[in-house]
Amino acid sequence: MARATDDLEMSQLLARRGAEMAAVFMIGDGILGLLHPRRHVALWQERALGAEALVAPFVDRPGRRRAYAVLQIAAGIALAARQRSR
């Protein structure tokens, strides 16, 4: 029984860490998109292992990328705020 509890606690810890890492990525990517939308989109426009489709709506639309960046940062902060150490 103790083993099952340990496994569950480890799974929960890994899930919290994964969520925290996703939040950090969202916040960082959002900040880059907010500050340098054209450069950030251009980096992922070609030969980016499938990311091209994700950035296509933002090509030549820095305002749209900035608006998305604000949402991305807010979502990352909200996700991080939900994580607890235990």
N, C-alpha and C. Protein backbone atom coordinates (compact mmCIF):
# COMPACT_ATOMS: atom_id res chain seq x y z
N MET A 1 0.82 -1.20 0.00
CA MET A 1 0.00 0.00 0.00
C MET A 1 0.87 1.26 0.00
N ALA A 2 1.97 1.21 0.74
CA ALA A 2 2.85 2.39 0.79
C ALA A 2 3.44 2.67 -0.59
N ARG A 3 3.74 1.60 -1.32
CA ARG A 3 4.31 1.76 -2.67
C ARG A 3 3.33 2.49 -3.58
N ALA A 4 2.05 2.14 -3.51
CA ALA A 4 1.03 2.78 -4.34
C ALA A 4 0.90 4.26 -3.99
N THR A 5 0.97 4.56 -2.70
CA THR A 5 0.91 5.95 -2.25
C THR A 5 2.12 6.73 -2.74
N ASP A 6 3.30 6.12 -2.65
CA ASP A 6 4.52 6.77 -3.15
C ASP A 6 4.44 7.02 -4.65
N ASP A 7 3.93 6.03 -5.39
CA ASP A 7 3.79 6.18 -6.84
C ASP A 7 2.82 7.30 -7.19
N LEU A 8 1.71 7.37 -6.46
CA LEU A 8 0.73 8.42 -6.69
C LEU A 8 1.32 9.79 -6.39
N GLU A 9 2.02 9.90 -5.28
CA GLU A 9 2.66 11.18 -4.93
C GLU A 9 3.69 11.59 -5.97
N MET A 10 4.46 10.63 -6.48
CA MET A 10 5.46 10.94 -7.50
C MET A 10 4.78 11.39 -8.79
N SER A 11 3.71 10.72 -9.16
CA SER A 11 2.96 11.11 -10.37
C SER A 11 2.40 12.52 -10.23
N GLN A 12 1.88 12.83 -9.07
CA GLN A 12 1.34 14.17 -8.83
C GLN A 12 2.45 15.22 -8.87
N LEU A 13 3.59 14.90 -8.30
CA LEU A 13 4.72 15.82 -8.32
C LEU A 13 5.18 16.08 -9.75
N LEU A 14 5.30 15.02 -10.53
CA LEU A 14 5.72 15.17 -11.92
C LEU A 14 4.70 15.98 -12.73
N ALA A 15 3.43 15.79 -12.45
CA ALA A 15 2.39 16.56 -13.14
C ALA A 15 2.49 18.04 -12.78
N ARG A 16 2.72 18.33 -11.51
CA ARG A 16 2.86 19.74 -11.08
C ARG A 16 4.10 20.37 -11.72
N ARG A 17 5.18 19.63 -11.76
CA ARG A 17 6.41 20.15 -12.38
C ARG A 17 6.20 20.37 -13.87
N GLY A 18 5.52 19.46 -14.53
CA GLY A 18 5.23 19.62 -15.96
C GLY A 18 4.37 20.85 -16.22
N ALA A 19 3.37 21.06 -15.37
CA ALA A 19 2.51 22.24 -15.50
C ALA A 19 3.31 23.51 -15.26
N GLU A 20 4.20 23.48 -14.29
CA GLU A 20 5.04 24.65 -14.01
C GLU A 20 5.96 24.96 -15.20
N MET A 21 6.52 23.91 -15.79
CA MET A 21 7.38 24.11 -16.96
C MET A 21 6.58 24.68 -18.13
N ALA A 22 5.37 24.20 -18.33
CA ALA A 22 4.50 24.74 -19.38
C ALA A 22 4.20 26.21 -19.12
N ALA A 23 3.94 26.56 -17.87
CA ALA A 23 3.66 27.94 -17.51
C ALA A 23 4.86 28.84 -17.80
N VAL A 24 6.04 28.38 -17.44
CA VAL A 24 7.27 29.14 -17.71
C VAL A 24 7.44 29.35 -19.21
N PHE A 25 7.21 28.31 -19.99
CA PHE A 25 7.32 28.42 -21.44
C PHE A 25 6.31 29.43 -21.98
N MET A 26 5.06 29.35 -21.52
CA MET A 26 4.01 30.25 -22.00
C MET A 26 4.35 31.71 -21.67
N ILE A 27 4.81 31.95 -20.48
CA ILE A 27 5.14 33.31 -20.07
C ILE A 27 6.33 33.83 -20.88
N GLY A 28 7.37 33.03 -20.99
CA GLY A 28 8.55 33.46 -21.74
C GLY A 28 8.27 33.69 -23.20
N ASP A 29 7.55 32.76 -23.82
CA ASP A 29 7.20 32.91 -25.23
C ASP A 29 6.30 34.13 -25.42
N GLY A 30 5.40 34.34 -24.49
CA GLY A 30 4.52 35.51 -24.55
C GLY A 30 5.30 36.82 -24.47
N ILE A 31 6.27 36.87 -23.58
CA ILE A 31 7.08 38.09 -23.45
C ILE A 31 7.86 38.36 -24.72
N LEU A 32 8.46 37.33 -25.30
CA LEU A 32 9.19 37.51 -26.56
C LEU A 32 8.24 37.98 -27.67
N GLY A 33 7.08 37.39 -27.74
CA GLY A 33 6.09 37.78 -28.74
C GLY A 33 5.57 39.19 -28.54
N LEU A 34 5.50 39.61 -27.30
CA LEU A 34 5.04 40.96 -26.98
C LEU A 34 6.09 42.01 -27.34
N LEU A 35 7.33 41.73 -27.01
CA LEU A 35 8.40 42.71 -27.22
C LEU A 35 8.92 42.74 -28.65
N HIS A 36 8.99 41.58 -29.30
CA HIS A 36 9.57 41.48 -30.64
C HIS A 36 8.71 40.59 -31.53
N PRO A 37 7.48 41.00 -31.81
CA PRO A 37 6.57 40.10 -32.53
C PRO A 37 7.04 39.70 -33.92
N ARG A 38 7.57 40.62 -34.70
CA ARG A 38 8.00 40.28 -36.06
C ARG A 38 9.19 39.31 -36.05
N ARG A 39 10.18 39.60 -35.24
CA ARG A 39 11.36 38.74 -35.17
C ARG A 39 10.99 37.36 -34.65
N HIS A 40 10.15 37.32 -33.64
CA HIS A 40 9.77 36.05 -33.03
C HIS A 40 8.99 35.18 -34.01
N VAL A 41 8.07 35.77 -34.75
CA VAL A 41 7.30 35.01 -35.74
C VAL A 41 8.21 34.57 -36.89
N ALA A 42 9.08 35.47 -37.35
CA ALA A 42 9.97 35.14 -38.47
C ALA A 42 10.86 33.94 -38.15
N LEU A 43 11.25 33.81 -36.91
CA LEU A 43 12.10 32.70 -36.50
C LEU A 43 11.43 31.34 -36.73
N TRP A 44 10.11 31.31 -36.62
CA TRP A 44 9.36 30.06 -36.70
C TRP A 44 8.59 29.90 -38.01
N GLN A 45 8.82 30.79 -38.97
CA GLN A 45 8.06 30.79 -40.21
C GLN A 45 8.42 29.67 -41.17
N GLU A 46 9.67 29.28 -41.22
CA GLU A 46 10.12 28.29 -42.20
C GLU A 46 10.94 27.19 -41.52
N ARG A 47 10.77 25.98 -42.02
CA ARG A 47 11.54 24.82 -41.55
C ARG A 47 11.60 24.73 -40.03
N ALA A 48 10.44 24.78 -39.40
CA ALA A 48 10.38 24.80 -37.94
C ALA A 48 9.64 23.58 -37.38
N LEU A 49 9.77 22.46 -38.06
CA LEU A 49 9.23 21.18 -37.58
C LEU A 49 7.73 21.24 -37.26
N GLY A 50 6.98 21.90 -38.12
CA GLY A 50 5.54 21.97 -37.94
C GLY A 50 5.03 23.23 -37.28
N ALA A 51 5.90 24.02 -36.71
CA ALA A 51 5.47 25.26 -36.05
C ALA A 51 5.02 26.32 -37.05
N GLU A 52 5.33 26.12 -38.32
CA GLU A 52 4.96 27.10 -39.35
C GLU A 52 3.46 27.36 -39.34
N ALA A 53 2.68 26.32 -39.22
CA ALA A 53 1.22 26.47 -39.21
C ALA A 53 0.74 27.25 -37.99
N LEU A 54 1.45 27.10 -36.89
CA LEU A 54 1.06 27.81 -35.66
C LEU A 54 1.31 29.31 -35.74
N VAL A 55 2.36 29.71 -36.45
CA VAL A 55 2.68 31.14 -36.52
C VAL A 55 2.06 31.82 -37.74
N ALA A 56 1.51 31.04 -38.68
CA ALA A 56 0.95 31.62 -39.91
C ALA A 56 -0.07 32.74 -39.65
N PRO A 57 -0.95 32.63 -38.66
CA PRO A 57 -1.91 33.72 -38.43
C PRO A 57 -1.26 35.03 -37.98
N PHE A 58 0.00 34.98 -37.58
CA PHE A 58 0.67 36.16 -37.05
C PHE A 58 1.66 36.81 -38.03
N VAL A 59 1.88 36.17 -39.18
CA VAL A 59 2.81 36.72 -40.17
C VAL A 59 2.30 38.07 -40.64
N ASP A 60 3.15 39.08 -40.57
CA ASP A 60 2.81 40.46 -40.95
C ASP A 60 1.65 41.05 -40.15
N ARG A 61 1.42 40.53 -38.97
CA ARG A 61 0.37 41.04 -38.08
C ARG A 61 0.90 41.16 -36.65
N PRO A 62 1.82 42.09 -36.41
CA PRO A 62 2.42 42.21 -35.09
C PRO A 62 1.39 42.54 -33.99
N GLY A 63 0.38 43.28 -34.32
CA GLY A 63 -0.65 43.58 -33.32
C GLY A 63 -1.39 42.35 -32.87
N ARG A 64 -1.67 41.48 -33.80
CA ARG A 64 -2.33 40.21 -33.47
C ARG A 64 -1.42 39.35 -32.59
N ARG A 65 -0.13 39.33 -32.92
CA ARG A 65 0.81 38.54 -32.11
C ARG A 65 0.93 39.12 -30.71
N ARG A 66 0.93 40.43 -30.60
CA ARG A 66 1.00 41.05 -29.27
C ARG A 66 -0.24 40.74 -28.44
N ALA A 67 -1.41 40.78 -29.07
CA ALA A 67 -2.65 40.46 -28.35
C ALA A 67 -2.61 39.01 -27.86
N TYR A 68 -2.14 38.12 -28.73
CA TYR A 68 -2.01 36.71 -28.33
C TYR A 68 -1.00 36.57 -27.19
N ALA A 69 0.07 37.36 -27.26
CA ALA A 69 1.10 37.30 -26.22
C ALA A 69 0.53 37.66 -24.86
N VAL A 70 -0.32 38.66 -24.81
CA VAL A 70 -0.94 39.06 -23.53
C VAL A 70 -1.77 37.90 -22.98
N LEU A 71 -2.54 37.25 -23.85
CA LEU A 71 -3.34 36.09 -23.41
C LEU A 71 -2.44 34.94 -22.96
N GLN A 72 -1.36 34.73 -23.68
CA GLN A 72 -0.42 33.67 -23.35
C GLN A 72 0.22 33.91 -21.98
N ILE A 73 0.63 35.14 -21.72
CA ILE A 73 1.24 35.47 -20.43
C ILE A 73 0.23 35.29 -19.31
N ALA A 74 -0.98 35.78 -19.51
CA ALA A 74 -2.02 35.64 -18.48
C ALA A 74 -2.33 34.18 -18.20
N ALA A 75 -2.43 33.37 -19.25
CA ALA A 75 -2.72 31.94 -19.06
C ALA A 75 -1.56 31.25 -18.35
N GLY A 76 -0.33 31.62 -18.67
CA GLY A 76 0.84 31.04 -18.01
C GLY A 76 0.88 31.38 -16.53
N ILE A 77 0.57 32.63 -16.22
CA ILE A 77 0.54 33.05 -14.81
C ILE A 77 -0.57 32.32 -14.06
N ALA A 78 -1.73 32.20 -14.70
CA ALA A 78 -2.86 31.49 -14.05
C ALA A 78 -2.50 30.02 -13.81
N LEU A 79 -1.87 29.39 -14.78
CA LEU A 79 -1.47 27.99 -14.62
C LEU A 79 -0.45 27.84 -13.49
N ALA A 80 0.54 28.72 -13.45
CA ALA A 80 1.55 28.66 -12.39
C ALA A 80 0.93 28.90 -11.02
N ALA A 81 -0.01 29.82 -10.95
CA ALA A 81 -0.65 30.15 -9.67
C ALA A 81 -1.44 28.96 -9.09
N ARG A 82 -1.87 28.07 -9.95
CA ARG A 82 -2.65 26.91 -9.50
C ARG A 82 -1.77 25.79 -8.92
N GLN A 83 -0.49 25.86 -9.14
CA GLN A 83 0.41 24.79 -8.69
C GLN A 83 0.75 24.98 -7.21
N ARG A 84 0.73 23.89 -6.50
CA ARG A 84 1.07 23.88 -5.08
C ARG A 84 2.22 22.92 -4.86
N SER A 85 3.04 23.17 -3.86
CA SER A 85 4.18 22.29 -3.60
C SER A 85 3.76 20.93 -3.06
N ARG A 86 2.62 20.83 -2.48
CA ARG A 86 2.09 19.55 -1.96
C ARG A 86 0.64 19.46 -2.19
